[in-house]
PDB file of N, CA and C in Angstrom:
ATOM      1  N   MET A   1       0.838  -1.186  -0.046  1.00  0.00           N
ATOM      2  CA  MET A   1       0.024  -0.006  -0.041  1.00  0.00           C
ATOM      3  C   MET A   1       0.783   1.208  -0.007  1.00  0.00           C
ATOM      4  N   GLU A   2       1.936   1.342   0.889  1.00  0.00           N
ATOM      5  CA  GLU A   2       2.783   2.471   0.983  1.00  0.00           C
ATOM      6  C   GLU A   2       3.504   2.845  -0.346  1.00  0.00           C
ATOM      7  N   LYS A   3       3.896   1.774  -1.033  1.00  0.00           N
ATOM      8  CA  LYS A   3       4.580   1.957  -2.320  1.00  0.00           C
ATOM      9  C   LYS A   3       3.674   2.527  -3.319  1.00  0.00           C
ATOM     10  N   GLU A   4       2.414   2.109  -3.328  1.00  0.00           N
ATOM     11  CA  GLU A   4       1.404   2.668  -4.373  1.00  0.00           C
ATOM     12  C   GLU A   4       1.185   4.119  -4.097  1.00  0.00           C
ATOM     13  N   VAL A   5       1.165   4.538  -2.773  1.00  0.00           N
ATOM     14  CA  VAL A   5       0.955   6.035  -2.497  1.00  0.00           C
ATOM     15  C   VAL A   5       2.253   6.808  -2.916  1.00  0.00           C
ATOM     16  N   ALA A   6       3.349   6.288  -2.671  1.00  0.00           N
ATOM     17  CA  ALA A   6       4.566   6.887  -3.015  1.00  0.00           C
ATOM     18  C   ALA A   6       4.734   7.064  -4.588  1.00  0.00           C
ATOM     19  N   LYS A   7       4.081   6.219  -5.347  1.00  0.00           N
ATOM     20  CA  LYS A   7       4.091   6.387  -6.905  1.00  0.00           C
ATOM     21  C   LYS A   7       3.314   7.533  -7.391  1.00  0.00           C
ATOM     22  N   GLN A   8       2.391   8.009  -6.619  1.00  0.00           N
ATOM     23  CA  GLN A   8       1.529   9.077  -7.041  1.00  0.00           C
ATOM     24  C   GLN A   8       2.229  10.372  -7.103  1.00  0.00           C
ATOM     25  N   SER A   9       1.827  11.387  -7.739  1.00  0.00           N
ATOM     26  CA  SER A   9       2.489  12.681  -7.910  1.00  0.00           C
ATOM     27  C   SER A   9       2.345  13.467  -6.528  1.00  0.00           C
ATOM     28  N   TRP A  10       3.240  14.019  -5.883  1.00  0.00           N
ATOM     29  CA  TRP A  10       3.092  14.691  -4.591  1.00  0.00           C
ATOM     30  C   TRP A  10       3.467  16.087  -4.852  1.00  0.00           C
ATOM     31  N   TYR A  11       2.752  17.083  -4.197  1.00  0.00           N
ATOM     32  CA  TYR A  11       3.111  18.487  -4.383  1.00  0.00           C
ATOM     33  C   TYR A  11       2.479  19.210  -3.126  1.00  0.00           C
ATOM     34  N   VAL A  12       3.057  20.356  -2.935  1.00  0.00           N
ATOM     35  CA  VAL A  12       2.594  21.224  -1.831  1.00  0.00           C
ATOM     36  C   VAL A  12       1.812  22.308  -2.677  1.00  0.00           C
ATOM     37  N   GLU A  13       0.534  22.575  -2.275  1.00  0.00           N
ATOM     38  CA  GLU A  13      -0.292  23.506  -2.945  1.00  0.00           C
ATOM     39  C   GLU A  13      -0.852  24.527  -1.943  1.00  0.00           C
ATOM     40  N   PHE A  14      -0.790  25.821  -2.402  1.00  0.00           N
ATOM     41  CA  PHE A  14      -1.476  26.837  -1.462  1.00  0.00           C
ATOM     42  C   PHE A  14      -1.753  27.986  -2.439  1.00  0.00           C
ATOM     43  N   PHE A  15      -2.665  28.815  -1.790  1.00  0.00           N
ATOM     44  CA  PHE A  15      -3.211  29.970  -2.630  1.00  0.00           C
ATOM     45  C   PHE A  15      -2.659  31.273  -1.946  1.00  0.00           C
ATOM     46  N   PHE A  16      -2.316  32.241  -2.841  1.00  0.00           N
ATOM     47  CA  PHE A  16      -1.866  33.441  -2.232  1.00  0.00           C
ATOM     48  C   PHE A  16      -2.519  34.657  -3.035  1.00  0.00           C
ATOM     49  N   HIS A  17      -2.809  35.675  -2.174  1.00  0.00           N
ATOM     50  CA  HIS A  17      -3.657  36.772  -2.798  1.00  0.00           C
ATOM     51  C   HIS A  17      -2.738  37.626  -3.554  1.00  0.00           C
ATOM     52  N   ASN A  18      -3.053  37.790  -4.935  1.00  0.00           N
ATOM     53  CA  ASN A  18      -2.402  38.705  -5.788  1.00  0.00           C
ATOM     54  C   ASN A  18      -3.050  40.025  -5.766  1.00  0.00           C
ATOM     55  N   ALA A  19      -2.465  41.022  -4.982  1.00  0.00           N
ATOM     56  CA  ALA A  19      -3.094  42.267  -4.800  1.00  0.00           C
ATOM     57  C   ALA A  19      -3.117  43.097  -6.177  1.00  0.00           C
ATOM     58  N   ALA A  20      -2.237  42.897  -7.030  1.00  0.00           N
ATOM     59  CA  ALA A  20      -2.062  43.605  -8.292  1.00  0.00           C
ATOM     60  C   ALA A  20      -3.333  43.202  -9.148  1.00  0.00           C
ATOM     61  N   GLU A  21      -3.707  41.938  -9.160  1.00  0.00           N
ATOM     62  CA  GLU A  21      -4.807  41.368 -10.007  1.00  0.00           C
ATOM     63  C   GLU A  21      -6.074  41.221  -9.222  1.00  0.00           C
ATOM     64  N   GLU A  22      -6.012  41.386  -7.919  1.00  0.00           N
ATOM     65  CA  GLU A  22      -7.250  41.257  -7.056  1.00  0.00           C
ATOM     66  C   GLU A  22      -7.737  39.793  -7.180  1.00  0.00           C
ATOM     67  N   ARG A  23      -6.841  38.795  -7.219  1.00  0.00           N
ATOM     68  CA  ARG A  23      -7.428  37.437  -7.201  1.00  0.00           C
ATOM     69  C   ARG A  23      -6.360  36.500  -6.510  1.00  0.00           C
ATOM     70  N   MET A  24      -6.819  35.341  -6.165  1.00  0.00           N
ATOM     71  CA  MET A  24      -6.066  34.370  -5.504  1.00  0.00           C
ATOM     72  C   MET A  24      -5.246  33.587  -6.597  1.00  0.00           C
ATOM     73  N   GLU A  25      -3.996  33.321  -6.310  1.00  0.00           N
ATOM     74  CA  GLU A  25      -3.110  32.682  -7.200  1.00  0.00           C
ATOM     75  C   GLU A  25      -2.810  31.249  -6.624  1.00  0.00           C
ATOM     76  N   ARG A  26      -2.938  30.182  -7.372  1.00  0.00           N
ATOM     77  CA  ARG A  26      -2.688  28.835  -6.805  1.00  0.00           C
ATOM     78  C   ARG A  26      -1.169  28.609  -7.187  1.00  0.00           C
ATOM     79  N   ILE A  27      -0.430  28.078  -6.222  1.00  0.00           N
ATOM     80  CA  ILE A  27       0.920  27.802  -6.274  1.00  0.00           C
ATOM     81  C   ILE A  27       1.015  26.293  -5.868  1.00  0.00           C
ATOM     82  N   ARG A  28       1.706  25.596  -6.777  1.00  0.00           N
ATOM     83  CA  ARG A  28       2.071  24.076  -6.616  1.00  0.00           C
ATOM     84  C   ARG A  28       3.536  23.974  -6.692  1.00  0.00           C
ATOM     85  N   VAL A  29       4.025  23.243  -5.736  1.00  0.00           N
ATOM     86  CA  VAL A  29       5.574  23.029  -5.649  1.00  0.00           C
ATOM     87  C   VAL A  29       5.780  21.490  -5.471  1.00  0.00           C
ATOM     88  N   THR A  30       6.737  20.987  -6.257  1.00  0.00           N
ATOM     89  CA  THR A  30       7.152  19.618  -6.075  1.00  0.00           C
ATOM     90  C   THR A  30       8.478  19.454  -5.443  1.00  0.00           C
ATOM     91  N   ARG A  31       9.386  20.460  -5.754  1.00  0.00           N
ATOM     92  CA  ARG A  31      10.747  20.300  -5.245  1.00  0.00           C
ATOM     93  C   ARG A  31      11.348  18.958  -5.312  1.00  0.00           C
ATOM     94  N   LYS A  32      11.142  18.320  -6.366  1.00  0.00           N
ATOM     95  CA  LYS A  32      11.743  16.943  -6.671  1.00  0.00           C
ATOM     96  C   LYS A  32      11.135  15.913  -5.790  1.00  0.00           C
ATOM     97  N   LEU A  33      10.095  16.080  -5.146  1.00  0.00           N
ATOM     98  CA  LEU A  33       9.436  15.079  -4.264  1.00  0.00           C
ATOM     99  C   LEU A  33       9.146  13.787  -5.048  1.00  0.00           C
ATOM    100  N   ASN A  34       8.813  13.956  -6.250  1.00  0.00           N
ATOM    101  CA  ASN A  34       8.355  12.742  -7.066  1.00  0.00           C
ATOM    102  C   ASN A  34       9.519  11.890  -7.574  1.00  0.00           C
ATOM    103  N   ARG A  35      10.654  12.288  -7.332  1.00  0.00           N
ATOM    104  CA  ARG A  35      11.854  11.513  -7.653  1.00  0.00           C
ATOM    105  C   ARG A  35      12.237  10.553  -6.549  1.00  0.00           C
ATOM    106  N   ILE A  36      11.690  10.689  -5.440  1.00  0.00           N
ATOM    107  CA  ILE A  36      11.914   9.907  -4.236  1.00  0.00           C
ATOM    108  C   ILE A  36      11.002   8.706  -4.219  1.00  0.00           C
ATOM    109  N   LYS A  37      11.491   7.523  -4.243  1.00  0.00           N
ATOM    110  CA  LYS A  37      10.787   6.204  -4.379  1.00  0.00           C
ATOM    111  C   LYS A  37      10.402   5.616  -2.967  1.00  0.00           C
ATOM    112  N   ASP A  38      11.213   5.924  -1.969  1.00  0.00           N
ATOM    113  CA  ASP A  38      10.974   5.319  -0.594  1.00  0.00           C
ATOM    114  C   ASP A  38       9.758   6.110  -0.005  1.00  0.00           C
ATOM    115  N   PRO A  39       8.675   5.461   0.370  1.00  0.00           N
ATOM    116  CA  PRO A  39       7.510   6.081   0.852  1.00  0.00           C
ATOM    117  C   PRO A  39       7.764   6.840   2.147  1.00  0.00           C
ATOM    118  N   ARG A  40       8.616   6.335   2.978  1.00  0.00           N
ATOM    119  CA  ARG A  40       8.836   7.029   4.367  1.00  0.00           C
ATOM    120  C   ARG A  40       9.678   8.275   4.069  1.00  0.00           C
ATOM    121  N   GLN A  41      10.675   8.140   3.209  1.00  0.00           N
ATOM    122  CA  GLN A  41      11.541   9.237   2.964  1.00  0.00           C
ATOM    123  C   GLN A  41      10.701  10.425   2.137  1.00  0.00           C
ATOM    124  N   LYS A  42       9.789  10.023   1.328  1.00  0.00           N
ATOM    125  CA  LYS A  42       9.050  10.899   0.656  1.00  0.00           C
ATOM    126  C   LYS A  42       8.163  11.636   1.518  1.00  0.00           C
ATOM    127  N   LEU A  43       7.531  11.032   2.487  1.00  0.00           N
ATOM    128  CA  LEU A  43       6.727  11.688   3.463  1.00  0.00           C
ATOM    129  C   LEU A  43       7.424  12.517   4.392  1.00  0.00           C
ATOM    130  N   LYS A  44       8.627  12.200   4.745  1.00  0.00           N
ATOM    131  CA  LYS A  44       9.467  13.032   5.657  1.00  0.00           C
ATOM    132  C   LYS A  44       9.885  14.347   4.834  1.00  0.00           C
ATOM    133  N   ASN A  45      10.238  14.161   3.611  1.00  0.00           N
ATOM    134  CA  ASN A  45      10.519  15.370   2.813  1.00  0.00           C
ATOM    135  C   ASN A  45       9.400  16.249   2.629  1.00  0.00           C
ATOM    136  N   PHE A  46       8.211  15.667   2.342  1.00  0.00           N
ATOM    137  CA  PHE A  46       7.016  16.422   2.107  1.00  0.00           C
ATOM    138  C   PHE A  46       6.599  17.175   3.396  1.00  0.00           C
ATOM    139  N   ASN A  47       6.675  16.638   4.510  1.00  0.00           N
ATOM    140  CA  ASN A  47       6.366  17.298   5.754  1.00  0.00           C
ATOM    141  C   ASN A  47       7.401  18.380   6.010  1.00  0.00           C
ATOM    142  N   ASN A  48       8.621  18.255   5.742  1.00  0.00           N
ATOM    143  CA  ASN A  48       9.616  19.295   5.894  1.00  0.00           C
ATOM    144  C   ASN A  48       9.350  20.437   4.941  1.00  0.00           C
ATOM    145  N   LEU A  49       8.965  20.162   3.695  1.00  0.00           N
ATOM    146  CA  LEU A  49       8.730  21.185   2.703  1.00  0.00           C
ATOM    147  C   LEU A  49       7.423  21.931   3.161  1.00  0.00           C
ATOM    148  N   CYS A  50       6.478  21.233   3.575  1.00  0.00           N
ATOM    149  CA  CYS A  50       5.181  21.960   4.051  1.00  0.00           C
ATOM    150  C   CYS A  50       5.589  22.897   5.267  1.00  0.00           C
ATOM    151  N   GLU A  51       6.366  22.491   6.178  1.00  0.00           N
ATOM    152  CA  GLU A  51       6.738  23.242   7.292  1.00  0.00           C
ATOM    153  C   GLU A  51       7.483  24.428   6.858  1.00  0.00           C
ATOM    154  N   ALA A  52       8.489  24.275   5.890  1.00  0.00           N
ATOM    155  CA  ALA A  52       9.235  25.282   5.457  1.00  0.00           C
ATOM    156  C   ALA A  52       8.419  26.487   4.892  1.00  0.00           C
ATOM    157  N   TYR A  53       7.407  26.092   3.994  1.00  0.00           N
ATOM    158  CA  TYR A  53       6.552  27.012   3.331  1.00  0.00           C
ATOM    159  C   TYR A  53       5.579  27.689   4.351  1.00  0.00           C
ATOM    160  N   ARG A  54       5.196  27.022   5.319  1.00  0.00           N
ATOM    161  CA  ARG A  54       4.317  27.658   6.346  1.00  0.00           C
ATOM    162  C   ARG A  54       5.025  28.626   7.104  1.00  0.00           C
ATOM    163  N   ILE A  55       6.306  28.317   7.501  1.00  0.00           N
ATOM    164  CA  ILE A  55       7.107  29.304   8.231  1.00  0.00           C
ATOM    165  C   ILE A  55       7.382  30.495   7.456  1.00  0.00           C
ATOM    166  N   ALA A  56       7.766  30.273   6.136  1.00  0.00           N
ATOM    167  CA  ALA A  56       8.006  31.413   5.195  1.00  0.00           C
ATOM    168  C   ALA A  56       6.929  32.376   4.982  1.00  0.00           C
ATOM    169  N   LEU A  57       5.672  31.690   4.808  1.00  0.00           N
ATOM    170  CA  LEU A  57       4.443  32.473   4.530  1.00  0.00           C
ATOM    171  C   LEU A  57       4.097  33.203   5.800  1.00  0.00           C
ATOM    172  N   GLU A  58       4.079  32.604   6.972  1.00  0.00           N
ATOM    173  CA  GLU A  58       3.683  33.383   8.152  1.00  0.00           C
ATOM    174  C   GLU A  58       4.750  34.425   8.523  1.00  0.00           C
ATOM    175  N   GLY A  59       5.855  34.235   8.015  1.00  0.00           N
ATOM    176  CA  GLY A  59       6.883  35.360   8.233  1.00  0.00           C
ATOM    177  C   GLY A  59       6.801  36.416   7.304  1.00  0.00           C
ATOM    178  N   GLY A  60       5.813  36.429   6.414  1.00  0.00           N
ATOM    179  CA  GLY A  60       5.594  37.484   5.494  1.00  0.00           C
ATOM    180  C   GLY A  60       6.176  37.308   4.022  1.00  0.00           C
ATOM    181  N   TRP A  61       6.746  36.174   3.802  1.00  0.00           N
ATOM    182  CA  TRP A  61       7.220  35.866   2.412  1.00  0.00           C
ATOM    183  C   TRP A  61       6.138  36.017   1.377  1.00  0.00           C
ATOM    184  N   ASN A  62       6.441  36.656   0.302  1.00  0.00           N
ATOM    185  CA  ASN A  62       5.528  36.830  -0.833  1.00  0.00           C
ATOM    186  C   ASN A  62       5.974  35.986  -2.038  1.00  0.00           C
ATOM    187  N   PRO A  63       5.401  34.781  -2.265  1.00  0.00           N
ATOM    188  CA  PRO A  63       5.844  33.885  -3.335  1.00  0.00           C
ATOM    189  C   PRO A  63       5.665  34.454  -4.766  1.00  0.00           C
ATOM    190  N   LEU A  64       4.955  35.511  -4.865  1.00  0.00           N
ATOM    191  CA  LEU A  64       4.729  36.141  -6.175  1.00  0.00           C
ATOM    192  C   LEU A  64       5.883  37.146  -6.452  1.00  0.00           C
ATOM    193  N   MET A  65       6.534  37.662  -5.484  1.00  0.00           N
ATOM    194  CA  MET A  65       7.614  38.625  -5.706  1.00  0.00           C
ATOM    195  C   MET A  65       9.009  37.882  -5.703  1.00  0.00           C
ATOM    196  N   SER A  66       9.085  36.824  -5.035  1.00  0.00           N
ATOM    197  CA  SER A  66      10.418  36.110  -5.061  1.00  0.00           C
ATOM    198  C   SER A  66      10.198  34.659  -5.236  1.00  0.00           C
ATOM    199  N   MET A  67      10.306  34.209  -6.424  1.00  0.00           N
ATOM    200  CA  MET A  67      10.120  32.855  -6.777  1.00  0.00           C
ATOM    201  C   MET A  67      11.218  31.858  -6.494  1.00  0.00           C
ATOM    202  N   PRO A  68      12.444  32.186  -6.156  1.00  0.00           N
ATOM    203  CA  PRO A  68      13.493  31.179  -6.102  1.00  0.00           C
ATOM    204  C   PRO A  68      13.155  30.044  -5.185  1.00  0.00           C
ATOM    205  N   MET A  69      12.417  30.248  -4.095  1.00  0.00           N
ATOM    206  CA  MET A  69      12.056  29.248  -3.229  1.00  0.00           C
ATOM    207  C   MET A  69      11.199  28.088  -3.886  1.00  0.00           C
ATOM    208  N   LEU A  70      10.587  28.513  -5.015  1.00  0.00           N
ATOM    209  CA  LEU A  70       9.684  27.540  -5.712  1.00  0.00           C
ATOM    210  C   LEU A  70      10.379  26.756  -6.725  1.00  0.00           C
ATOM    211  N   ASP A  71      11.768  26.763  -6.843  1.00  0.00           N
ATOM    212  CA  ASP A  71      12.436  26.012  -7.813  1.00  0.00           C
ATOM    213  C   ASP A  71      12.183  24.517  -7.717  1.00  0.00           C
TER     214      ASP A  71
END
């Protein structure tokens, strides 16, 4: 079962308000998660990535102004 879940495409998705266009922008980030075959390692990396984006966003980071974190 775990291996089947690991084969699926994983990404972190969030929405950010684009003030210039007055709409929400959807942002999806994989950061090479889908290259990881081990289910436990993939989950660990996914959780770390989620936490990193949560901290950055709560700290005031604007993903529309500085995209390098989204590579």
